Each structure stands twice: as C-alpha cells, then as structure tokens.
Amino acid sequence: MLNFYKQTIIFFICLFISFECFSKTHEVEMRTKLGDEKRVFSQKILNIEVNDTVIWKAVDKGHNVEFVSVPKNAKKLKSKKSEDVKYKFTIPGIYVYQCSPHKTIGMIGFIVVGNDKSNLNEIKETKMFGLSKEVFENLLHKI
C-alpha cells in the first residue's frame, strides 16, 4: 500500500511539472510609436493558454498596464509607469487592459486565455473613453 502512495505522489509531481514545461511566455511592447500608430501595445489581441505568462516591456517611457475587465475570480493588475511587468494567467477568459495615462486615446489591448470567451457579455459592458471606444469596438469584432 505504501508503494501505491509513492507512485501516486510521483505521478502527480510529474504531471504538474509537465504542465509547467508547456506554458509559454509572451511579450507585448508598450510603445509611443509603432509604424503609423502612436501610443499602442505591440499586440492588441493576444491569444494564450492557461498558465502562460505575459511580459509587458516598457520599450518607451510613460506607459503602464492596468486591467479594466477580467474574468470572475481573476486578480486585477495595475503596474507602475515605465516599468516592465509580468502576469501569469491561471484563469481562462477575456482580459481587457489599458495604459492608464493614454486610456482616452486608444491604448488598449485584449488577452484571450484558453480560447474561453464565456465572459464576453461582461467585457462588452466595459466603460471606455475617447478614442478607446472606437478601438474597443473594433477589437471586440476581432476576438
């Protein structure tokens, strides 16, 4: 019986390690200019898997990341300006984020975790301001 418990523990440890090995890290740049666009995230919509990590790189100064809508039970994030920040996504669903200083000029993005769009109706209720309203509507049609 003791051997069974040892095998079970070893099995679950290996299973946990294998899940961690398959998780990925993605980078999103916070940019003042990218091509013809100003004050943008390098990826406006990013599709990832549960347990993946996103690192927002402060390539240009004066930007941050603030979650404005997340799935139920997910932790919100608000980073400091001009600093890299990372977040591990453990809860599936759609996350909407913005750059706080540039939230009225369209500097927003979406993370879709696990291809789960079950919180889409809640996301549609997110309040956006200025140019971000138009960018938000365009992104909603693309997810």
N, C-alpha and C. Protein backbone atom coordinates (compact mmCIF):
# COMPACT_ATOMS: atom_id res chain seq x y z
N MET A 1 0.82 -1.19 0.00
CA MET A 1 0.00 0.00 0.00
C MET A 1 0.87 1.26 0.00
N LEU A 2 1.96 1.23 0.75
CA LEU A 2 2.87 2.37 0.79
C LEU A 2 3.45 2.65 -0.59
N ASN A 3 3.74 1.60 -1.36
CA ASN A 3 4.25 1.74 -2.71
C ASN A 3 3.24 2.44 -3.61
N PHE A 4 1.96 2.14 -3.43
CA PHE A 4 0.90 2.80 -4.21
C PHE A 4 0.91 4.30 -3.95
N TYR A 5 1.02 4.72 -2.71
CA TYR A 5 1.05 6.14 -2.37
C TYR A 5 2.26 6.84 -2.98
N LYS A 6 3.39 6.18 -2.93
CA LYS A 6 4.61 6.76 -3.52
C LYS A 6 4.43 6.94 -5.02
N GLN A 7 3.88 5.93 -5.68
CA GLN A 7 3.65 6.03 -7.13
C GLN A 7 2.65 7.13 -7.47
N THR A 8 1.63 7.26 -6.66
CA THR A 8 0.62 8.30 -6.88
C THR A 8 1.23 9.68 -6.72
N ILE A 9 2.03 9.88 -5.71
CA ILE A 9 2.68 11.17 -5.48
C ILE A 9 3.64 11.49 -6.63
N ILE A 10 4.41 10.51 -7.03
CA ILE A 10 5.35 10.72 -8.14
C ILE A 10 4.58 11.07 -9.42
N PHE A 11 3.47 10.37 -9.67
CA PHE A 11 2.64 10.66 -10.85
C PHE A 11 2.19 12.11 -10.86
N PHE A 12 1.65 12.60 -9.73
CA PHE A 12 1.14 13.97 -9.69
C PHE A 12 2.26 15.01 -9.78
N ILE A 13 3.39 14.71 -9.23
CA ILE A 13 4.54 15.63 -9.36
C ILE A 13 4.95 15.73 -10.82
N CYS A 14 5.04 14.59 -11.50
CA CYS A 14 5.41 14.60 -12.93
C CYS A 14 4.36 15.32 -13.76
N LEU A 15 3.09 15.11 -13.43
CA LEU A 15 2.01 15.78 -14.15
C LEU A 15 2.11 17.29 -13.98
N PHE A 16 2.34 17.76 -12.77
CA PHE A 16 2.48 19.20 -12.51
C PHE A 16 3.67 19.77 -13.27
N ILE A 17 4.79 19.09 -13.22
CA ILE A 17 5.99 19.58 -13.91
C ILE A 17 5.76 19.63 -15.42
N SER A 18 5.06 18.64 -15.96
CA SER A 18 4.83 18.64 -17.41
C SER A 18 3.95 19.82 -17.81
N PHE A 19 2.95 20.17 -17.01
CA PHE A 19 2.11 21.33 -17.33
C PHE A 19 2.94 22.60 -17.30
N GLU A 20 3.82 22.73 -16.34
CA GLU A 20 4.66 23.92 -16.25
C GLU A 20 5.62 24.02 -17.42
N CYS A 21 6.10 22.89 -17.91
CA CYS A 21 7.04 22.88 -19.03
C CYS A 21 6.38 23.35 -20.32
N PHE A 22 5.07 23.15 -20.45
CA PHE A 22 4.37 23.52 -21.67
C PHE A 22 3.86 24.95 -21.67
N SER A 23 3.94 25.62 -20.54
CA SER A 23 3.49 27.01 -20.51
C SER A 23 4.50 27.88 -21.25
N LYS A 24 4.00 28.97 -21.82
CA LYS A 24 4.84 29.85 -22.62
C LYS A 24 4.87 31.24 -22.01
N THR A 25 5.87 31.99 -22.44
CA THR A 25 5.98 33.40 -22.07
C THR A 25 5.85 34.22 -23.34
N HIS A 26 4.97 35.22 -23.30
CA HIS A 26 4.72 36.10 -24.45
C HIS A 26 5.14 37.51 -24.07
N GLU A 27 5.58 38.28 -25.05
CA GLU A 27 5.95 39.67 -24.81
C GLU A 27 5.05 40.62 -25.58
N VAL A 28 4.65 41.68 -24.90
CA VAL A 28 3.91 42.77 -25.52
C VAL A 28 4.68 44.04 -25.21
N GLU A 29 4.99 44.80 -26.22
CA GLU A 29 5.74 46.05 -26.02
C GLU A 29 4.78 47.21 -25.81
N MET A 30 5.13 48.08 -24.89
CA MET A 30 4.41 49.34 -24.69
C MET A 30 5.18 50.39 -25.49
N ARG A 31 4.55 50.91 -26.54
CA ARG A 31 5.25 51.76 -27.49
C ARG A 31 4.62 53.14 -27.60
N THR A 32 5.46 54.15 -27.76
CA THR A 32 4.99 55.50 -28.06
C THR A 32 4.66 55.60 -29.54
N LYS A 33 5.41 54.86 -30.37
CA LYS A 33 5.16 54.85 -31.81
C LYS A 33 5.51 53.46 -32.34
N LEU A 34 4.62 52.96 -33.20
CA LEU A 34 4.85 51.67 -33.84
C LEU A 34 4.25 51.77 -35.23
N GLY A 35 5.10 51.88 -36.23
CA GLY A 35 4.62 52.10 -37.60
C GLY A 35 3.93 53.45 -37.67
N ASP A 36 2.71 53.46 -38.18
CA ASP A 36 1.94 54.70 -38.29
C ASP A 36 1.15 55.02 -37.02
N GLU A 37 1.14 54.11 -36.07
CA GLU A 37 0.33 54.28 -34.86
C GLU A 37 1.15 54.90 -33.74
N LYS A 38 0.45 55.65 -32.90
CA LYS A 38 1.08 56.26 -31.73
C LYS A 38 0.40 55.74 -30.47
N ARG A 39 1.22 55.55 -29.44
CA ARG A 39 0.77 55.10 -28.14
C ARG A 39 -0.08 53.83 -28.26
N VAL A 40 0.63 52.72 -28.49
CA VAL A 40 -0.02 51.43 -28.73
C VAL A 40 0.74 50.31 -28.01
N PHE A 41 0.03 49.23 -27.81
CA PHE A 41 0.66 47.98 -27.41
C PHE A 41 1.00 47.24 -28.70
N SER A 42 2.13 46.55 -28.72
CA SER A 42 2.57 45.90 -29.95
C SER A 42 1.61 44.81 -30.41
N GLN A 43 0.86 44.23 -29.51
CA GLN A 43 -0.17 43.25 -29.87
C GLN A 43 -1.47 43.70 -29.21
N LYS A 44 -2.46 43.95 -30.02
CA LYS A 44 -3.73 44.43 -29.47
C LYS A 44 -4.60 43.28 -28.98
N ILE A 45 -4.48 42.13 -29.63
CA ILE A 45 -5.18 40.92 -29.20
C ILE A 45 -4.16 39.80 -29.13
N LEU A 46 -4.08 39.17 -27.98
CA LEU A 46 -3.13 38.08 -27.79
C LEU A 46 -3.90 36.87 -27.29
N ASN A 47 -3.81 35.77 -28.00
CA ASN A 47 -4.44 34.51 -27.61
C ASN A 47 -3.38 33.62 -26.96
N ILE A 48 -3.64 33.23 -25.71
CA ILE A 48 -2.67 32.42 -24.97
C ILE A 48 -3.40 31.26 -24.30
N GLU A 49 -2.64 30.39 -23.66
CA GLU A 49 -3.20 29.26 -22.93
C GLU A 49 -3.13 29.53 -21.42
N VAL A 50 -3.95 28.79 -20.68
CA VAL A 50 -3.92 28.87 -19.22
C VAL A 50 -2.50 28.52 -18.75
N ASN A 51 -2.01 29.25 -17.78
CA ASN A 51 -0.66 29.15 -17.18
C ASN A 51 0.43 29.79 -18.01
N ASP A 52 0.08 30.41 -19.13
CA ASP A 52 1.07 31.21 -19.87
C ASP A 52 1.29 32.52 -19.12
N THR A 53 2.44 33.12 -19.38
CA THR A 53 2.80 34.40 -18.77
C THR A 53 2.97 35.44 -19.87
N VAL A 54 2.51 36.64 -19.58
CA VAL A 54 2.73 37.76 -20.49
C VAL A 54 3.63 38.76 -19.78
N ILE A 55 4.65 39.22 -20.52
CA ILE A 55 5.53 40.28 -20.03
C ILE A 55 5.28 41.51 -20.91
N TRP A 56 4.87 42.59 -20.28
CA TRP A 56 4.73 43.86 -20.99
C TRP A 56 6.05 44.59 -20.81
N LYS A 57 6.71 44.88 -21.94
CA LYS A 57 8.02 45.53 -21.92
C LYS A 57 7.84 47.03 -22.11
N ALA A 58 8.42 47.79 -21.21
CA ALA A 58 8.37 49.26 -21.29
C ALA A 58 9.45 49.73 -22.25
N VAL A 59 9.23 49.50 -23.54
CA VAL A 59 10.18 49.88 -24.57
C VAL A 59 10.32 51.40 -24.59
N ASP A 60 9.20 52.09 -24.49
CA ASP A 60 9.17 53.55 -24.42
C ASP A 60 8.63 53.97 -23.06
N LYS A 61 9.11 55.06 -22.56
CA LYS A 61 8.73 55.54 -21.21
C LYS A 61 7.32 56.14 -21.20
N GLY A 62 6.72 56.16 -19.99
CA GLY A 62 5.45 56.84 -19.80
C GLY A 62 4.21 55.97 -19.95
N HIS A 63 4.40 54.64 -20.07
CA HIS A 63 3.27 53.73 -20.25
C HIS A 63 3.19 52.74 -19.09
N ASN A 64 2.00 52.20 -18.89
CA ASN A 64 1.80 51.15 -17.90
C ASN A 64 0.73 50.19 -18.39
N VAL A 65 0.38 49.22 -17.55
CA VAL A 65 -0.67 48.25 -17.85
C VAL A 65 -1.64 48.26 -16.68
N GLU A 66 -2.93 48.40 -17.01
CA GLU A 66 -3.98 48.34 -16.00
C GLU A 66 -5.12 47.48 -16.53
N PHE A 67 -5.45 46.40 -15.82
CA PHE A 67 -6.60 45.59 -16.21
C PHE A 67 -7.87 46.35 -15.87
N VAL A 68 -8.79 46.46 -16.83
CA VAL A 68 -10.05 47.15 -16.59
C VAL A 68 -11.23 46.19 -16.57
N SER A 69 -11.05 44.99 -17.09
CA SER A 69 -12.09 43.97 -17.02
C SER A 69 -11.42 42.61 -17.11
N VAL A 70 -11.79 41.72 -16.17
CA VAL A 70 -11.18 40.40 -16.10
C VAL A 70 -12.26 39.36 -15.82
N PRO A 71 -11.96 38.08 -16.06
CA PRO A 71 -12.92 37.03 -15.70
C PRO A 71 -13.14 36.97 -14.18
N LYS A 72 -14.24 36.39 -13.80
CA LYS A 72 -14.55 36.23 -12.38
C LYS A 72 -13.41 35.50 -11.67
N ASN A 73 -13.05 36.00 -10.50
CA ASN A 73 -12.01 35.43 -9.63
C ASN A 73 -10.58 35.71 -10.10
N ALA A 74 -10.40 36.41 -11.19
CA ALA A 74 -9.05 36.76 -11.64
C ALA A 74 -8.60 38.03 -10.91
N LYS A 75 -7.32 38.09 -10.62
CA LYS A 75 -6.76 39.27 -9.96
C LYS A 75 -6.52 40.37 -10.98
N LYS A 76 -6.83 41.60 -10.60
CA LYS A 76 -6.54 42.74 -11.46
C LYS A 76 -5.08 43.16 -11.28
N LEU A 77 -4.59 43.85 -12.26
CA LEU A 77 -3.20 44.30 -12.27
C LEU A 77 -3.16 45.78 -12.62
N LYS A 78 -2.33 46.53 -11.94
CA LYS A 78 -2.03 47.90 -12.33
C LYS A 78 -0.55 48.12 -12.04
N SER A 79 0.21 48.29 -13.11
CA SER A 79 1.66 48.44 -12.97
C SER A 79 2.04 49.92 -12.83
N LYS A 80 3.28 50.12 -12.44
CA LYS A 80 3.83 51.48 -12.41
C LYS A 80 4.21 51.89 -13.82
N LYS A 81 4.28 53.19 -14.05
CA LYS A 81 4.68 53.69 -15.37
C LYS A 81 6.15 53.38 -15.63
N SER A 82 6.44 53.12 -16.89
CA SER A 82 7.81 52.94 -17.39
C SER A 82 8.53 51.74 -16.80
N GLU A 83 7.78 50.73 -16.35
CA GLU A 83 8.40 49.52 -15.81
C GLU A 83 7.84 48.29 -16.51
N ASP A 84 8.73 47.31 -16.75
CA ASP A 84 8.27 46.02 -17.26
C ASP A 84 7.41 45.36 -16.19
N VAL A 85 6.42 44.60 -16.63
CA VAL A 85 5.56 43.89 -15.68
C VAL A 85 5.18 42.55 -16.29
N LYS A 86 5.05 41.53 -15.44
CA LYS A 86 4.62 40.23 -15.94
C LYS A 86 3.46 39.72 -15.12
N TYR A 87 2.65 38.87 -15.77
CA TYR A 87 1.46 38.33 -15.14
C TYR A 87 1.24 36.93 -15.68
N LYS A 88 1.03 35.98 -14.76
CA LYS A 88 0.73 34.60 -15.15
C LYS A 88 -0.78 34.43 -15.15
N PHE A 89 -1.32 33.98 -16.27
CA PHE A 89 -2.77 33.84 -16.45
C PHE A 89 -3.19 32.43 -16.06
N THR A 90 -3.87 32.31 -14.94
CA THR A 90 -4.31 31.00 -14.44
C THR A 90 -5.81 30.78 -14.59
N ILE A 91 -6.54 31.83 -14.94
CA ILE A 91 -7.99 31.73 -15.09
C ILE A 91 -8.35 32.04 -16.54
N PRO A 92 -9.06 31.13 -17.21
CA PRO A 92 -9.43 31.37 -18.61
C PRO A 92 -10.45 32.49 -18.75
N GLY A 93 -10.47 33.09 -19.93
CA GLY A 93 -11.43 34.15 -20.23
C GLY A 93 -10.76 35.30 -20.96
N ILE A 94 -11.52 36.39 -21.09
CA ILE A 94 -11.03 37.59 -21.78
C ILE A 94 -10.63 38.63 -20.75
N TYR A 95 -9.45 39.20 -20.94
CA TYR A 95 -8.93 40.27 -20.09
C TYR A 95 -8.79 41.51 -20.97
N VAL A 96 -9.27 42.64 -20.47
CA VAL A 96 -9.12 43.92 -21.18
C VAL A 96 -8.17 44.77 -20.35
N TYR A 97 -7.18 45.35 -21.03
CA TYR A 97 -6.23 46.20 -20.32
C TYR A 97 -5.99 47.49 -21.10
N GLN A 98 -5.44 48.46 -20.39
CA GLN A 98 -5.16 49.77 -20.99
C GLN A 98 -3.90 50.34 -20.38
N CYS A 99 -3.40 51.37 -21.04
CA CYS A 99 -2.35 52.21 -20.46
C CYS A 99 -3.10 53.35 -19.78
N SER A 100 -2.97 53.46 -18.47
CA SER A 100 -3.75 54.46 -17.72
C SER A 100 -3.56 55.89 -18.24
N PRO A 101 -2.32 56.35 -18.49
CA PRO A 101 -2.16 57.72 -18.97
C PRO A 101 -2.73 57.96 -20.37
N HIS A 102 -2.89 56.88 -21.15
CA HIS A 102 -3.34 57.03 -22.53
C HIS A 102 -4.65 56.28 -22.80
N LYS A 103 -5.46 56.12 -21.76
CA LYS A 103 -6.70 55.36 -21.90
C LYS A 103 -7.73 56.05 -22.78
N THR A 104 -7.62 57.35 -22.98
CA THR A 104 -8.61 58.05 -23.81
C THR A 104 -8.19 58.14 -25.28
N ILE A 105 -6.97 57.69 -25.59
CA ILE A 105 -6.52 57.79 -26.99
C ILE A 105 -6.31 56.43 -27.64
N GLY A 106 -6.90 55.39 -27.04
CA GLY A 106 -6.93 54.10 -27.70
C GLY A 106 -5.84 53.11 -27.36
N MET A 107 -5.07 53.36 -26.31
CA MET A 107 -4.00 52.42 -25.95
C MET A 107 -4.59 51.33 -25.05
N ILE A 108 -5.23 50.36 -25.72
CA ILE A 108 -5.87 49.25 -25.02
C ILE A 108 -5.50 47.94 -25.70
N GLY A 109 -5.75 46.83 -25.01
CA GLY A 109 -5.49 45.52 -25.57
C GLY A 109 -6.34 44.45 -24.92
N PHE A 110 -6.39 43.28 -25.56
CA PHE A 110 -7.15 42.14 -25.08
C PHE A 110 -6.22 40.93 -24.96
N ILE A 111 -6.41 40.16 -23.91
CA ILE A 111 -5.78 38.85 -23.78
C ILE A 111 -6.92 37.83 -23.71
N VAL A 112 -6.89 36.85 -24.58
CA VAL A 112 -7.88 35.78 -24.55
C VAL A 112 -7.17 34.52 -24.07
N VAL A 113 -7.58 34.02 -22.91
CA VAL A 113 -6.89 32.89 -22.28
C VAL A 113 -7.70 31.61 -22.48
N GLY A 114 -7.05 30.60 -23.05
CA GLY A 114 -7.67 29.30 -23.23
C GLY A 114 -8.81 29.31 -24.23
N ASN A 115 -8.81 30.27 -25.13
CA ASN A 115 -9.87 30.42 -26.13
C ASN A 115 -11.25 30.47 -25.48
N ASP A 116 -11.31 30.92 -24.23
CA ASP A 116 -12.56 30.99 -23.46
C ASP A 116 -13.14 32.39 -23.59
N LYS A 117 -14.30 32.48 -24.18
CA LYS A 117 -14.96 33.78 -24.35
C LYS A 117 -16.26 33.85 -23.56
N SER A 118 -16.33 33.08 -22.48
CA SER A 118 -17.55 32.99 -21.68
C SER A 118 -17.90 34.30 -20.97
N ASN A 119 -16.93 35.18 -20.79
CA ASN A 119 -17.21 36.47 -20.14
C ASN A 119 -17.35 37.61 -21.15
N LEU A 120 -17.63 37.26 -22.41
CA LEU A 120 -17.75 38.27 -23.46
C LEU A 120 -18.82 39.31 -23.16
N ASN A 121 -19.96 38.88 -22.66
CA ASN A 121 -21.03 39.85 -22.35
C ASN A 121 -20.60 40.85 -21.28
N GLU A 122 -19.87 40.38 -20.27
CA GLU A 122 -19.36 41.30 -19.24
C GLU A 122 -18.34 42.26 -19.84
N ILE A 123 -17.50 41.74 -20.73
CA ILE A 123 -16.48 42.57 -21.38
C ILE A 123 -17.15 43.68 -22.19
N LYS A 124 -18.22 43.37 -22.86
CA LYS A 124 -18.93 44.37 -23.68
C LYS A 124 -19.43 45.54 -22.86
N GLU A 125 -19.59 45.35 -21.55
CA GLU A 125 -20.07 46.42 -20.65
C GLU A 125 -18.94 47.31 -20.13
N THR A 126 -17.71 47.02 -20.51
CA THR A 126 -16.56 47.80 -20.04
C THR A 126 -16.67 49.23 -20.53
N LYS A 127 -16.49 50.18 -19.63
CA LYS A 127 -16.55 51.61 -19.98
C LYS A 127 -15.22 52.04 -20.59
N MET A 128 -15.30 52.62 -21.77
CA MET A 128 -14.13 53.17 -22.45
C MET A 128 -14.38 54.65 -22.70
N PHE A 129 -13.31 55.39 -22.87
CA PHE A 129 -13.40 56.84 -23.02
C PHE A 129 -12.65 57.30 -24.26
N GLY A 130 -13.12 58.37 -24.87
CA GLY A 130 -12.45 58.98 -26.01
C GLY A 130 -12.29 58.01 -27.17
N LEU A 131 -11.10 58.05 -27.79
CA LEU A 131 -10.81 57.18 -28.94
C LEU A 131 -10.83 55.69 -28.58
N SER A 132 -10.66 55.39 -27.31
CA SER A 132 -10.65 53.99 -26.89
C SER A 132 -11.98 53.30 -27.16
N LYS A 133 -13.07 54.05 -27.19
CA LYS A 133 -14.38 53.46 -27.51
C LYS A 133 -14.35 52.80 -28.89
N GLU A 134 -13.84 53.52 -29.87
CA GLU A 134 -13.78 53.00 -31.24
C GLU A 134 -12.81 51.83 -31.35
N VAL A 135 -11.64 51.95 -30.73
CA VAL A 135 -10.65 50.87 -30.76
C VAL A 135 -11.24 49.63 -30.08
N PHE A 136 -11.91 49.82 -28.96
CA PHE A 136 -12.54 48.74 -28.21
C PHE A 136 -13.55 47.99 -29.08
N GLU A 137 -14.42 48.72 -29.76
CA GLU A 137 -15.43 48.09 -30.62
C GLU A 137 -14.77 47.31 -31.76
N ASN A 138 -13.73 47.87 -32.36
CA ASN A 138 -13.01 47.17 -33.43
C ASN A 138 -12.38 45.87 -32.92
N LEU A 139 -11.79 45.93 -31.73
CA LEU A 139 -11.15 44.74 -31.17
C LEU A 139 -12.19 43.68 -30.82
N LEU A 140 -13.33 44.10 -30.31
CA LEU A 140 -14.40 43.15 -29.97
C LEU A 140 -14.81 42.32 -31.19
N HIS A 141 -14.84 42.95 -32.36
CA HIS A 141 -15.23 42.23 -33.57
C HIS A 141 -14.15 41.25 -34.05
N LYS A 142 -12.94 41.40 -33.54
CA LYS A 142 -11.83 40.56 -33.99
C LYS A 142 -11.57 39.36 -33.07
N ILE A 143 -12.12 39.39 -31.87
CA ILE A 143 -11.84 38.26 -30.97
C ILE A 143 -12.78 37.09 -31.19
